[in-house]
Amino acid sequence: MKPKEVILKAFARAKKERGLRIVAPSSYLCSSHMHKADHNLVVMTDLRAA
């Protein structure tokens, strides 16, 4: 299945149940997700070295 088909199927399923939603862009949410991803990368790097 192509990635576009997977995404369209997920959006169709989201109408029936909780799932993906389309939301307006938010710089606050973007920076929060980037901060969390950076934190996870640091943790995984530290755990790998241990």
PDB file of N, CA and C in Angstrom:
ATOM      1  N   MET A   1       0.846  -1.178   0.000  1.00  0.00           N
ATOM      2  CA  MET A   1       0.000   0.000   0.000  1.00  0.00           C
ATOM      3  C   MET A   1       0.896   1.249   0.000  1.00  0.00           C
ATOM      4  N   LYS A   2       0.556   2.215  -0.814  1.00  0.00           N
ATOM      5  CA  LYS A   2       1.340   3.443  -0.907  1.00  0.00           C
ATOM      6  C   LYS A   2       1.079   4.325   0.315  1.00  0.00           C
ATOM      7  N   PRO A   3       2.075   5.152   0.693  1.00  0.00           N
ATOM      8  CA  PRO A   3       1.903   6.018   1.870  1.00  0.00           C
ATOM      9  C   PRO A   3       0.657   6.907   1.789  1.00  0.00           C
ATOM     10  N   LYS A   4       0.370   7.442   0.602  1.00  0.00           N
ATOM     11  CA  LYS A   4      -0.797   8.310   0.460  1.00  0.00           C
ATOM     12  C   LYS A   4      -2.079   7.536   0.769  1.00  0.00           C
ATOM     13  N   GLU A   5      -2.148   6.285   0.322  1.00  0.00           N
ATOM     14  CA  GLU A   5      -3.325   5.455   0.592  1.00  0.00           C
ATOM     15  C   GLU A   5      -3.472   5.175   2.084  1.00  0.00           C
ATOM     16  N   VAL A   6      -2.358   4.950   2.759  1.00  0.00           N
ATOM     17  CA  VAL A   6      -2.384   4.699   4.201  1.00  0.00           C
ATOM     18  C   VAL A   6      -2.930   5.915   4.934  1.00  0.00           C
ATOM     19  N   ILE A   7      -2.468   7.095   4.555  1.00  0.00           N
ATOM     20  CA  ILE A   7      -2.919   8.322   5.205  1.00  0.00           C
ATOM     21  C   ILE A   7      -4.398   8.561   4.958  1.00  0.00           C
ATOM     22  N   LEU A   8      -4.841   8.385   3.731  1.00  0.00           N
ATOM     23  CA  LEU A   8      -6.255   8.585   3.420  1.00  0.00           C
ATOM     24  C   LEU A   8      -7.134   7.595   4.172  1.00  0.00           C
ATOM     25  N   LYS A   9      -6.674   6.359   4.285  1.00  0.00           N
ATOM     26  CA  LYS A   9      -7.423   5.345   5.026  1.00  0.00           C
ATOM     27  C   LYS A   9      -7.502   5.718   6.513  1.00  0.00           C
ATOM     28  N   ALA A  10      -6.411   6.218   7.064  1.00  0.00           N
ATOM     29  CA  ALA A  10      -6.387   6.619   8.477  1.00  0.00           C
ATOM     30  C   ALA A  10      -7.347   7.779   8.731  1.00  0.00           C
ATOM     31  N   PHE A  11      -7.394   8.748   7.830  1.00  0.00           N
ATOM     32  CA  PHE A  11      -8.325   9.862   7.989  1.00  0.00           C
ATOM     33  C   PHE A  11      -9.774   9.384   7.891  1.00  0.00           C
ATOM     34  N   ALA A  12     -10.033   8.454   7.002  1.00  0.00           N
ATOM     35  CA  ALA A  12     -11.387   7.916   6.866  1.00  0.00           C
ATOM     36  C   ALA A  12     -11.790   7.171   8.133  1.00  0.00           C
ATOM     37  N   ARG A  13     -10.858   6.406   8.694  1.00  0.00           N
ATOM     38  CA  ARG A  13     -11.142   5.669   9.926  1.00  0.00           C
ATOM     39  C   ARG A  13     -11.321   6.617  11.106  1.00  0.00           C
ATOM     40  N   ALA A  14     -10.632   7.753  11.087  1.00  0.00           N
ATOM     41  CA  ALA A  14     -10.697   8.711  12.194  1.00  0.00           C
ATOM     42  C   ALA A  14     -12.089   9.312  12.337  1.00  0.00           C
ATOM     43  N   LYS A  15     -12.866   9.315  11.264  1.00  0.00           N
ATOM     44  CA  LYS A  15     -14.229   9.835  11.352  1.00  0.00           C
ATOM     45  C   LYS A  15     -15.093   8.941  12.231  1.00  0.00           C
ATOM     46  N   LYS A  16     -14.771   7.638  12.265  1.00  0.00           N
ATOM     47  CA  LYS A  16     -15.555   6.678  13.033  1.00  0.00           C
ATOM     48  C   LYS A  16     -15.066   6.541  14.472  1.00  0.00           C
ATOM     49  N   GLU A  17     -13.798   6.724  14.684  1.00  0.00           N
ATOM     50  CA  GLU A  17     -13.200   6.521  15.999  1.00  0.00           C
ATOM     51  C   GLU A  17     -12.132   7.575  16.241  1.00  0.00           C
ATOM     52  N   ARG A  18     -11.605   7.587  17.442  1.00  0.00           N
ATOM     53  CA  ARG A  18     -10.528   8.531  17.727  1.00  0.00           C
ATOM     54  C   ARG A  18      -9.301   8.177  16.919  1.00  0.00           C
ATOM     55  N   GLY A  19      -8.690   9.144  16.334  1.00  0.00           N
ATOM     56  CA  GLY A  19      -7.508   8.880  15.522  1.00  0.00           C
ATOM     57  C   GLY A  19      -6.899  10.173  15.045  1.00  0.00           C
ATOM     58  N   LEU A  20      -6.435  10.188  13.833  1.00  0.00           N
ATOM     59  CA  LEU A  20      -5.825  11.382  13.251  1.00  0.00           C
ATOM     60  C   LEU A  20      -6.849  12.491  13.080  1.00  0.00           C
ATOM     61  N   ARG A  21      -6.390  13.699  13.255  1.00  0.00           N
ATOM     62  CA  ARG A  21      -7.244  14.857  13.004  1.00  0.00           C
ATOM     63  C   ARG A  21      -6.414  15.913  12.297  1.00  0.00           C
ATOM     64  N   ILE A  22      -7.080  16.693  11.508  1.00  0.00           N
ATOM     65  CA  ILE A  22      -6.432  17.831  10.866  1.00  0.00           C
ATOM     66  C   ILE A  22      -6.650  19.033  11.772  1.00  0.00           C
ATOM     67  N   VAL A  23      -5.571  19.687  12.156  1.00  0.00           N
ATOM     68  CA  VAL A  23      -5.652  20.858  13.029  1.00  0.00           C
ATOM     69  C   VAL A  23      -4.878  22.003  12.384  1.00  0.00           C
ATOM     70  N   ALA A  24      -5.162  23.185  12.863  1.00  0.00           N
ATOM     71  CA  ALA A  24      -4.447  24.367  12.369  1.00  0.00           C
ATOM     72  C   ALA A  24      -2.992  24.315  12.851  1.00  0.00           C
ATOM     73  N   PRO A  25      -2.061  24.821  12.072  1.00  0.00           N
ATOM     74  CA  PRO A  25      -0.656  24.849  12.496  1.00  0.00           C
ATOM     75  C   PRO A  25      -0.491  25.644  13.787  1.00  0.00           C
ATOM     76  N   SER A  26       0.386  25.179  14.643  1.00  0.00           N
ATOM     77  CA  SER A  26       0.629  25.844  15.919  1.00  0.00           C
ATOM     78  C   SER A  26       2.129  25.833  16.200  1.00  0.00           C
ATOM     79  N   SER A  27       2.714  26.997  16.315  1.00  0.00           N
ATOM     80  CA  SER A  27       4.152  27.064  16.590  1.00  0.00           C
ATOM     81  C   SER A  27       4.448  26.555  17.999  1.00  0.00           C
ATOM     82  N   TYR A  28       3.487  26.731  18.926  1.00  0.00           N
ATOM     83  CA  TYR A  28       3.682  26.217  20.289  1.00  0.00           C
ATOM     84  C   TYR A  28       3.758  24.689  20.275  1.00  0.00           C
ATOM     85  N   LEU A  29       2.816  24.032  19.597  1.00  0.00           N
ATOM     86  CA  LEU A  29       2.827  22.570  19.530  1.00  0.00           C
ATOM     87  C   LEU A  29       4.062  22.065  18.797  1.00  0.00           C
ATOM     88  N   CYS A  30       4.446  22.772  17.756  1.00  0.00           N
ATOM     89  CA  CYS A  30       5.627  22.381  16.989  1.00  0.00           C
ATOM     90  C   CYS A  30       6.867  22.415  17.878  1.00  0.00           C
ATOM     91  N   SER A  31       7.055  23.491  18.592  1.00  0.00           N
ATOM     92  CA  SER A  31       8.240  23.596  19.448  1.00  0.00           C
ATOM     93  C   SER A  31       8.185  22.582  20.587  1.00  0.00           C
ATOM     94  N   SER A  32       6.993  22.280  21.094  1.00  0.00           N
ATOM     95  CA  SER A  32       6.861  21.273  22.147  1.00  0.00           C
ATOM     96  C   SER A  32       7.257  19.894  21.638  1.00  0.00           C
ATOM     97  N   HIS A  33       6.802  19.541  20.442  1.00  0.00           N
ATOM     98  CA  HIS A  33       7.147  18.241  19.864  1.00  0.00           C
ATOM     99  C   HIS A  33       8.645  18.160  19.573  1.00  0.00           C
ATOM    100  N   MET A  34       9.232  19.231  19.091  1.00  0.00           N
ATOM    101  CA  MET A  34      10.666  19.230  18.796  1.00  0.00           C
ATOM    102  C   MET A  34      11.473  19.095  20.088  1.00  0.00           C
ATOM    103  N   HIS A  35      11.029  19.775  21.141  1.00  0.00           N
ATOM    104  CA  HIS A  35      11.714  19.687  22.437  1.00  0.00           C
ATOM    105  C   HIS A  35      11.658  18.249  22.956  1.00  0.00           C
ATOM    106  N   LYS A  36      10.498  17.617  22.865  1.00  0.00           N
ATOM    107  CA  LYS A  36      10.333  16.235  23.316  1.00  0.00           C
ATOM    108  C   LYS A  36      11.198  15.288  22.483  1.00  0.00           C
ATOM    109  N   ALA A  37      11.233  15.479  21.164  1.00  0.00           N
ATOM    110  CA  ALA A  37      12.044  14.632  20.301  1.00  0.00           C
ATOM    111  C   ALA A  37      13.530  14.786  20.629  1.00  0.00           C
ATOM    112  N   ASP A  38      13.969  16.010  20.890  1.00  0.00           N
ATOM    113  CA  ASP A  38      15.363  16.256  21.256  1.00  0.00           C
ATOM    114  C   ASP A  38      15.688  15.566  22.580  1.00  0.00           C
ATOM    115  N   HIS A  39      14.788  15.673  23.540  1.00  0.00           N
ATOM    116  CA  HIS A  39      14.969  15.024  24.837  1.00  0.00           C
ATOM    117  C   HIS A  39      15.079  13.506  24.661  1.00  0.00           C
ATOM    118  N   ASN A  40      14.179  12.917  23.849  1.00  0.00           N
ATOM    119  CA  ASN A  40      14.209  11.478  23.621  1.00  0.00           C
ATOM    120  C   ASN A  40      15.513  11.042  22.962  1.00  0.00           C
ATOM    121  N   LEU A  41      16.016  11.851  22.052  1.00  0.00           N
ATOM    122  CA  LEU A  41      17.284  11.539  21.393  1.00  0.00           C
ATOM    123  C   LEU A  41      18.436  11.532  22.402  1.00  0.00           C
ATOM    124  N   VAL A  42      18.456  12.497  23.293  1.00  0.00           N
ATOM    125  CA  VAL A  42      19.506  12.562  24.322  1.00  0.00           C
ATOM    126  C   VAL A  42      19.409  11.339  25.230  1.00  0.00           C
ATOM    127  N   VAL A  43      18.207  11.007  25.650  1.00  0.00           N
ATOM    128  CA  VAL A  43      18.029   9.842  26.528  1.00  0.00           C
ATOM    129  C   VAL A  43      18.496   8.566  25.831  1.00  0.00           C
ATOM    130  N   MET A  44      18.090   8.372  24.584  1.00  0.00           N
ATOM    131  CA  MET A  44      18.482   7.156  23.870  1.00  0.00           C
ATOM    132  C   MET A  44      19.995   7.098  23.654  1.00  0.00           C
ATOM    133  N   THR A  45      20.612   8.245  23.413  1.00  0.00           N
ATOM    134  CA  THR A  45      22.066   8.286  23.254  1.00  0.00           C
ATOM    135  C   THR A  45      22.753   7.905  24.567  1.00  0.00           C
ATOM    136  N   ASP A  46      22.229   8.420  25.678  1.00  0.00           N
ATOM    137  CA  ASP A  46      22.797   8.087  26.991  1.00  0.00           C
ATOM    138  C   ASP A  46      22.598   6.608  27.323  1.00  0.00           C
ATOM    139  N   LEU A  47      21.441   6.070  27.013  1.00  0.00           N
ATOM    140  CA  LEU A  47      21.179   4.658  27.310  1.00  0.00           C
ATOM    141  C   LEU A  47      22.033   3.741  26.451  1.00  0.00           C
ATOM    142  N   ARG A  48      22.290   4.151  25.228  1.00  0.00           N
ATOM    143  CA  ARG A  48      23.116   3.315  24.348  1.00  0.00           C
ATOM    144  C   ARG A  48      24.552   3.255  24.855  1.00  0.00           C
ATOM    145  N   ALA A  49      25.049   4.367  25.405  1.00  0.00           N
ATOM    146  CA  ALA A  49      26.419   4.441  25.894  1.00  0.00           C
ATOM    147  C   ALA A  49      26.597   3.632  27.190  1.00  0.00           C
ATOM    148  N   ALA A  50      25.504   3.420  27.912  1.00  0.00           N
ATOM    149  CA  ALA A  50      25.603   2.721  29.213  1.00  0.00           C
ATOM    150  C   ALA A  50      25.850   1.249  29.065  1.00  0.00           C
TER     151      ALA A  50
END
